[in-house]
């Protein structure tokens, strides 16, 4: 039985790492909002439940968008996004240096 090949760690663009962290936080915030919206829906009285359900659905949409963005960045990091690529431009435009 042979050992798997040894690989070296590939450095990750610091702007990509910052973008990953920001997207992760956005996703976690979305998860929190979904939990809060669900709790409000469960505690709502009959008339408020319709509004609470709509708010919960909206929170799920926001969370889904955040998770999709995070997944895309994880895929970019995993497959070796080019250094200084779109993440550098995004951070620079947002005032993050560059």
N, C-alpha and C. Protein backbone atom coordinates (compact mmCIF):
# COMPACT_ATOMS: atom_id res chain seq x y z
N UNK A 1 0.84 -1.17 0.00
CA UNK A 1 0.00 0.00 0.00
C UNK A 1 0.89 1.24 0.00
N UNK A 2 0.62 2.15 -0.92
CA UNK A 2 1.46 3.35 -1.00
C UNK A 2 0.82 4.50 -0.26
N UNK A 3 1.68 5.39 0.19
CA UNK A 3 1.20 6.59 0.88
C UNK A 3 0.71 7.61 -0.13
N UNK A 4 -0.29 8.42 0.26
CA UNK A 4 -0.72 9.46 -0.67
C UNK A 4 0.40 10.48 -0.86
N UNK A 5 0.43 11.14 -2.00
CA UNK A 5 1.51 12.11 -2.24
C UNK A 5 1.42 13.26 -1.24
N UNK A 6 2.57 13.76 -0.87
CA UNK A 6 2.65 14.89 0.04
C UNK A 6 2.52 16.16 -0.77
N UNK A 7 1.65 17.03 -0.33
CA UNK A 7 1.49 18.31 -1.03
C UNK A 7 1.92 19.43 -0.12
N UNK A 8 2.33 20.50 -0.72
CA UNK A 8 2.69 21.67 0.07
C UNK A 8 1.51 22.62 0.09
N UNK A 9 1.41 23.37 1.14
CA UNK A 9 0.33 24.34 1.27
C UNK A 9 0.53 25.45 0.24
N UNK A 10 -0.54 25.79 -0.42
CA UNK A 10 -0.50 26.90 -1.38
C UNK A 10 -0.93 28.16 -0.65
N UNK A 11 -0.13 29.22 -0.75
CA UNK A 11 -0.53 30.45 -0.07
C UNK A 11 -1.84 30.98 -0.64
N UNK A 12 -2.67 31.51 0.23
CA UNK A 12 -3.94 32.09 -0.19
C UNK A 12 -3.81 33.60 -0.22
N UNK A 13 -4.31 34.19 -1.26
CA UNK A 13 -4.32 35.64 -1.39
C UNK A 13 -4.98 36.24 -0.16
N UNK A 14 -4.32 37.18 0.52
CA UNK A 14 -4.91 37.76 1.74
C UNK A 14 -6.25 38.45 1.49
N UNK A 15 -6.44 38.98 0.29
CA UNK A 15 -7.72 39.61 -0.02
C UNK A 15 -8.81 38.56 -0.16
N UNK A 16 -8.46 37.39 -0.69
CA UNK A 16 -9.40 36.28 -0.78
C UNK A 16 -9.74 35.80 0.63
N UNK A 17 -8.75 35.72 1.48
CA UNK A 17 -8.99 35.29 2.86
C UNK A 17 -9.91 36.27 3.58
N UNK A 18 -9.70 37.57 3.37
CA UNK A 18 -10.59 38.58 3.97
C UNK A 18 -12.01 38.42 3.43
N UNK A 19 -12.13 38.21 2.11
CA UNK A 19 -13.45 38.04 1.51
C UNK A 19 -14.13 36.78 2.05
N UNK A 20 -13.35 35.71 2.23
CA UNK A 20 -13.91 34.47 2.80
C UNK A 20 -14.46 34.73 4.20
N UNK A 21 -13.69 35.43 5.00
CA UNK A 21 -14.11 35.69 6.38
C UNK A 21 -15.37 36.55 6.40
N UNK A 22 -15.40 37.59 5.56
CA UNK A 22 -16.58 38.46 5.51
C UNK A 22 -17.81 37.68 5.07
N UNK A 23 -17.66 36.84 4.05
CA UNK A 23 -18.80 36.05 3.57
C UNK A 23 -19.25 35.04 4.61
N UNK A 24 -18.30 34.46 5.34
CA UNK A 24 -18.65 33.53 6.40
C UNK A 24 -19.49 34.25 7.47
N UNK A 25 -19.05 35.45 7.85
CA UNK A 25 -19.79 36.20 8.85
C UNK A 25 -21.18 36.58 8.34
N UNK A 26 -21.28 36.95 7.06
CA UNK A 26 -22.59 37.25 6.48
C UNK A 26 -23.50 36.03 6.55
N UNK A 27 -22.95 34.87 6.24
CA UNK A 27 -23.74 33.63 6.28
C UNK A 27 -24.19 33.32 7.70
N UNK A 28 -23.26 33.43 8.66
CA UNK A 28 -23.63 33.15 10.06
C UNK A 28 -24.68 34.14 10.55
N UNK A 29 -24.58 35.40 10.16
CA UNK A 29 -25.59 36.39 10.53
C UNK A 29 -26.94 36.00 9.92
N UNK A 30 -26.91 35.53 8.67
CA UNK A 30 -28.15 35.06 8.03
C UNK A 30 -28.75 33.89 8.78
N UNK A 31 -27.92 32.97 9.24
CA UNK A 31 -28.40 31.82 10.02
C UNK A 31 -29.08 32.29 11.30
N UNK A 32 -28.47 33.25 11.96
CA UNK A 32 -29.04 33.80 13.19
C UNK A 32 -30.40 34.43 12.90
N UNK A 33 -30.49 35.20 11.82
CA UNK A 33 -31.75 35.86 11.47
C UNK A 33 -32.84 34.84 11.16
N UNK A 34 -32.48 33.72 10.53
CA UNK A 34 -33.46 32.66 10.26
C UNK A 34 -33.98 32.09 11.58
N UNK A 35 -33.07 31.81 12.51
CA UNK A 35 -33.50 31.28 13.82
C UNK A 35 -34.43 32.26 14.54
N UNK A 36 -34.07 33.53 14.50
CA UNK A 36 -34.90 34.54 15.16
C UNK A 36 -36.27 34.66 14.48
N UNK A 37 -36.29 34.65 13.17
CA UNK A 37 -37.57 34.75 12.43
C UNK A 37 -38.44 33.54 12.71
N UNK A 38 -37.83 32.37 12.79
CA UNK A 38 -38.59 31.15 13.09
C UNK A 38 -39.19 31.23 14.49
N UNK A 39 -38.41 31.72 15.44
CA UNK A 39 -38.91 31.85 16.81
C UNK A 39 -40.08 32.83 16.86
N UNK A 40 -39.97 33.95 16.12
CA UNK A 40 -41.08 34.91 16.10
C UNK A 40 -42.32 34.29 15.47
N UNK A 41 -42.14 33.49 14.43
CA UNK A 41 -43.26 32.84 13.77
C UNK A 41 -43.96 31.86 14.73
N UNK A 42 -43.15 31.09 15.45
CA UNK A 42 -43.72 30.12 16.40
C UNK A 42 -44.46 30.79 17.53
N UNK A 43 -44.01 31.95 17.95
CA UNK A 43 -44.62 32.65 19.09
C UNK A 43 -45.76 33.58 18.66
N UNK A 44 -45.91 33.78 17.37
CA UNK A 44 -46.89 34.75 16.89
C UNK A 44 -48.32 34.28 17.10
N UNK A 45 -49.19 35.26 17.29
CA UNK A 45 -50.62 34.97 17.35
C UNK A 45 -51.12 34.85 15.91
N UNK A 46 -52.35 34.40 15.75
CA UNK A 46 -52.85 34.06 14.42
C UNK A 46 -52.62 35.16 13.38
N UNK A 47 -52.99 36.39 13.65
CA UNK A 47 -52.83 37.47 12.69
C UNK A 47 -51.39 37.80 12.37
N UNK A 48 -50.52 37.66 13.36
CA UNK A 48 -49.10 37.98 13.17
C UNK A 48 -48.34 36.87 12.48
N UNK A 49 -48.88 35.68 12.47
CA UNK A 49 -48.14 34.55 11.92
C UNK A 49 -47.89 34.68 10.42
N UNK A 50 -48.83 35.29 9.70
CA UNK A 50 -48.64 35.48 8.27
C UNK A 50 -47.47 36.42 8.00
N UNK A 51 -47.43 37.51 8.74
CA UNK A 51 -46.32 38.46 8.60
C UNK A 51 -45.01 37.81 9.04
N UNK A 52 -45.05 37.08 10.14
CA UNK A 52 -43.85 36.41 10.63
C UNK A 52 -43.36 35.36 9.63
N UNK A 53 -44.30 34.66 8.98
CA UNK A 53 -43.91 33.67 7.97
C UNK A 53 -43.22 34.36 6.79
N UNK A 54 -43.76 35.49 6.36
CA UNK A 54 -43.15 36.23 5.25
C UNK A 54 -41.74 36.70 5.64
N UNK A 55 -41.59 37.16 6.88
CA UNK A 55 -40.27 37.60 7.35
C UNK A 55 -39.31 36.42 7.41
N UNK A 56 -39.81 35.26 7.82
CA UNK A 56 -38.96 34.06 7.86
C UNK A 56 -38.53 33.63 6.48
N UNK A 57 -39.43 33.72 5.53
CA UNK A 57 -39.10 33.37 4.14
C UNK A 57 -38.04 34.33 3.59
N UNK A 58 -38.20 35.61 3.89
CA UNK A 58 -37.21 36.59 3.46
C UNK A 58 -35.85 36.32 4.10
N UNK A 59 -35.85 35.96 5.38
CA UNK A 59 -34.59 35.64 6.07
C UNK A 59 -33.93 34.43 5.44
N UNK A 60 -34.73 33.44 5.05
CA UNK A 60 -34.17 32.26 4.38
C UNK A 60 -33.54 32.64 3.05
N UNK A 61 -34.16 33.54 2.31
CA UNK A 61 -33.59 33.99 1.04
C UNK A 61 -32.25 34.68 1.24
N UNK A 62 -32.18 35.54 2.25
CA UNK A 62 -30.93 36.24 2.55
C UNK A 62 -29.84 35.24 2.94
N UNK A 63 -30.21 34.29 3.80
CA UNK A 63 -29.24 33.28 4.24
C UNK A 63 -28.77 32.44 3.06
N UNK A 64 -29.69 32.08 2.16
CA UNK A 64 -29.31 31.29 0.99
C UNK A 64 -28.33 32.05 0.10
N UNK A 65 -28.60 33.33 -0.14
CA UNK A 65 -27.68 34.13 -0.95
C UNK A 65 -26.31 34.23 -0.30
N UNK A 66 -26.27 34.40 1.01
CA UNK A 66 -25.00 34.49 1.72
C UNK A 66 -24.25 33.16 1.65
N UNK A 67 -24.97 32.05 1.79
CA UNK A 67 -24.30 30.75 1.74
C UNK A 67 -23.78 30.46 0.33
N UNK A 68 -24.53 30.89 -0.70
CA UNK A 68 -24.06 30.71 -2.08
C UNK A 68 -22.77 31.50 -2.32
N UNK A 69 -22.75 32.75 -1.85
CA UNK A 69 -21.54 33.56 -2.01
C UNK A 69 -20.35 32.97 -1.28
N UNK A 70 -20.59 32.47 -0.08
CA UNK A 70 -19.52 31.84 0.68
C UNK A 70 -19.02 30.58 -0.03
N UNK A 71 -19.95 29.79 -0.55
CA UNK A 71 -19.57 28.56 -1.26
C UNK A 71 -18.73 28.88 -2.49
N UNK A 72 -19.08 29.93 -3.21
CA UNK A 72 -18.31 30.32 -4.39
C UNK A 72 -16.89 30.71 -4.01
N UNK A 73 -16.75 31.47 -2.92
CA UNK A 73 -15.41 31.87 -2.50
C UNK A 73 -14.59 30.69 -1.98
N UNK A 74 -15.24 29.76 -1.28
CA UNK A 74 -14.53 28.57 -0.84
C UNK A 74 -14.03 27.78 -2.05
N UNK A 75 -14.87 27.66 -3.07
CA UNK A 75 -14.46 26.96 -4.30
C UNK A 75 -13.29 27.69 -4.95
N UNK A 76 -13.33 29.02 -4.98
CA UNK A 76 -12.22 29.79 -5.57
C UNK A 76 -10.94 29.55 -4.79
N UNK A 77 -11.04 29.55 -3.46
CA UNK A 77 -9.85 29.33 -2.63
C UNK A 77 -9.33 27.91 -2.80
N UNK A 78 -10.24 26.96 -2.90
CA UNK A 78 -9.86 25.55 -3.04
C UNK A 78 -9.19 25.29 -4.38
N UNK A 79 -9.67 25.96 -5.40
CA UNK A 79 -9.15 25.72 -6.75
C UNK A 79 -8.10 26.73 -7.16
N UNK A 80 -7.62 27.50 -6.23
CA UNK A 80 -6.51 28.40 -6.49
C UNK A 80 -6.88 29.64 -7.27
N UNK A 81 -7.57 30.55 -6.64
CA UNK A 81 -7.89 31.82 -7.28
C UNK A 81 -6.59 32.58 -7.51
N UNK A 82 -6.51 33.31 -8.61
CA UNK A 82 -5.28 34.04 -8.90
C UNK A 82 -5.02 35.15 -7.88
N UNK A 83 -3.78 35.29 -7.43
CA UNK A 83 -3.46 36.35 -6.48
C UNK A 83 -3.79 37.72 -7.06
N UNK A 84 -4.36 38.58 -6.24
CA UNK A 84 -4.66 39.93 -6.68
C UNK A 84 -5.79 40.00 -7.69
N UNK A 85 -6.59 38.94 -7.76
CA UNK A 85 -7.69 38.89 -8.71
C UNK A 85 -8.83 39.78 -8.28
N UNK A 86 -10.05 39.36 -8.53
CA UNK A 86 -11.20 40.21 -8.24
C UNK A 86 -11.35 40.54 -6.76
N UNK A 87 -10.76 39.74 -5.90
CA UNK A 87 -10.88 39.99 -4.47
C UNK A 87 -10.10 41.24 -4.08
N UNK A 88 -8.95 41.45 -4.71
CA UNK A 88 -8.16 42.66 -4.45
C UNK A 88 -8.94 43.89 -4.91
N UNK A 89 -9.55 43.82 -6.07
CA UNK A 89 -10.32 44.96 -6.58
C UNK A 89 -11.50 45.24 -5.67
N UNK A 90 -12.17 44.19 -5.19
CA UNK A 90 -13.34 44.36 -4.32
C UNK A 90 -12.90 45.02 -3.01
N UNK A 91 -11.80 44.55 -2.42
CA UNK A 91 -11.33 45.10 -1.16
C UNK A 91 -10.88 46.54 -1.35
N UNK A 92 -10.24 46.85 -2.47
CA UNK A 92 -9.78 48.20 -2.74
C UNK A 92 -10.97 49.13 -2.90
N UNK A 93 -11.98 48.69 -3.63
CA UNK A 93 -13.16 49.51 -3.85
C UNK A 93 -13.90 49.77 -2.55
N UNK A 94 -13.83 48.82 -1.63
CA UNK A 94 -14.52 48.95 -0.34
C UNK A 94 -13.67 49.70 0.68
N UNK A 95 -12.49 50.16 0.26
CA UNK A 95 -11.63 50.90 1.19
C UNK A 95 -10.73 50.00 1.99
N UNK A 96 -10.52 48.75 1.52
CA UNK A 96 -9.71 47.81 2.26
C UNK A 96 -8.25 47.82 1.89
N UNK A 97 -7.79 48.80 1.15
CA UNK A 97 -6.38 48.88 0.79
C UNK A 97 -6.12 48.20 -0.53
N UNK A 98 -4.88 48.08 -0.88
CA UNK A 98 -4.60 47.38 -2.11
C UNK A 98 -3.71 48.16 -2.92
